[in-house]
Amino acid sequence: MQNNTFPPTKRQKEFLEMITNFYESNYYMPTYDEIREAMSLKSYSAVTDNLKALERKGFLVRDFRKPRAIKLLRNLDGTTRV
């Protein structure tokens, strides 16, 4: 994982907010399909591209072997999540 110091874009912030809100409401992470629907996207590649960018910036990590394996590492303000 690369910990890039660049802040997330406006759209990436929306993704982080969606994932955070989903987790806080349901106590589990969303699937790519749930993210796609919540963000009003038509393709999975848009979800993947945004999640990859957030991973490069150090906001989350993903496990490709599991459907809900997104782990948030940092908050939107850049502080570390416990």
Protein backbone atom coordinates (compact mmCIF):
# COMPACT_ATOMS: atom_id res chain seq x y z
CA MET A 1 0.00 0.00 0.00
CA GLN A 2 1.27 3.39 -0.97
CA ASN A 3 0.54 6.23 1.45
CA ASN A 4 0.17 9.15 -0.91
CA THR A 5 -0.23 12.59 0.67
CA PHE A 6 -2.62 13.89 -1.99
CA PRO A 7 -6.12 14.55 -0.65
CA PRO A 8 -9.06 12.69 -2.16
CA THR A 9 -10.99 14.34 -4.98
CA LYS A 10 -14.56 15.50 -4.46
CA ARG A 11 -15.89 12.27 -5.98
CA GLN A 12 -13.54 10.12 -3.89
CA LYS A 13 -14.79 11.93 -0.77
CA GLU A 14 -18.32 11.00 -1.80
CA PHE A 15 -17.23 7.36 -2.05
CA LEU A 16 -15.62 7.50 1.40
CA GLU A 17 -18.73 9.12 2.89
CA MET A 18 -20.98 6.50 1.29
CA ILE A 19 -18.86 3.62 2.57
CA THR A 20 -18.58 5.15 6.05
CA ASN A 21 -22.31 5.86 6.29
CA PHE A 22 -23.19 2.38 5.03
CA TYR A 23 -20.89 0.79 7.60
CA GLU A 24 -22.22 2.91 10.46
CA SER A 25 -25.81 2.03 9.50
CA ASN A 26 -25.33 -1.69 8.84
CA TYR A 27 -22.19 -2.68 10.80
CA TYR A 28 -20.68 -4.33 7.71
CA MET A 29 -19.05 -3.00 4.55
CA PRO A 30 -20.93 -2.60 1.27
CA THR A 31 -20.35 -4.82 -1.75
CA TYR A 32 -19.20 -3.29 -5.04
CA ASP A 33 -22.77 -3.65 -6.31
CA GLU A 34 -24.16 -1.74 -3.33
CA ILE A 35 -21.56 0.99 -3.86
CA ARG A 36 -22.39 1.14 -7.58
CA GLU A 37 -26.10 1.51 -6.88
CA ALA A 38 -25.65 4.07 -4.09
CA MET A 39 -23.34 6.18 -6.25
CA SER A 40 -25.68 5.94 -9.28
CA LEU A 41 -23.04 4.33 -11.49
CA LYS A 42 -23.64 2.04 -14.42
CA SER A 43 -20.34 0.18 -14.43
CA TYR A 44 -18.27 -1.69 -11.89
CA SER A 45 -15.09 -0.25 -13.38
CA ALA A 46 -15.98 3.20 -12.02
CA VAL A 47 -16.28 1.69 -8.54
CA THR A 48 -13.01 -0.19 -8.94
CA ASP A 49 -11.16 2.87 -10.27
CA ASN A 50 -12.25 5.06 -7.37
CA LEU A 51 -11.48 2.41 -4.77
CA LYS A 52 -8.03 1.85 -6.30
CA ALA A 53 -7.32 5.58 -6.12
CA LEU A 54 -8.41 5.70 -2.47
CA GLU A 55 -6.24 2.68 -1.75
CA ARG A 56 -3.21 4.38 -3.37
CA LYS A 57 -3.87 7.45 -1.23
CA GLY A 58 -3.94 5.32 1.92
CA PHE A 59 -7.61 5.75 2.84
CA LEU A 60 -8.56 2.09 2.56
CA VAL A 61 -7.37 -1.42 1.75
CA ARG A 62 -9.24 -4.14 -0.12
CA ASP A 63 -9.07 -7.93 -0.23
CA PHE A 64 -10.00 -9.12 -3.71
CA ARG A 65 -10.89 -12.59 -2.43
CA LYS A 66 -13.85 -11.41 -0.35
CA PRO A 67 -16.96 -9.46 -1.43
CA ARG A 68 -17.14 -7.08 1.56
CA ALA A 69 -13.45 -6.78 2.33
CA ILE A 70 -12.94 -3.03 2.43
CA LYS A 71 -11.14 -1.68 5.47
CA LEU A 72 -11.09 2.05 6.09
CA LEU A 73 -7.70 3.25 7.33
CA ARG A 74 -8.18 7.02 7.50
CA ASN A 75 -11.03 9.46 7.96
CA LEU A 76 -11.82 12.18 5.44
CA ASP A 77 -9.75 14.67 7.41
CA GLY A 78 -6.74 12.35 7.12
CA THR A 79 -6.72 11.16 10.72
CA THR A 80 -6.12 7.47 11.34
CA ARG A 81 -9.10 5.28 12.14
CA VAL A 82 -8.81 3.04 15.19
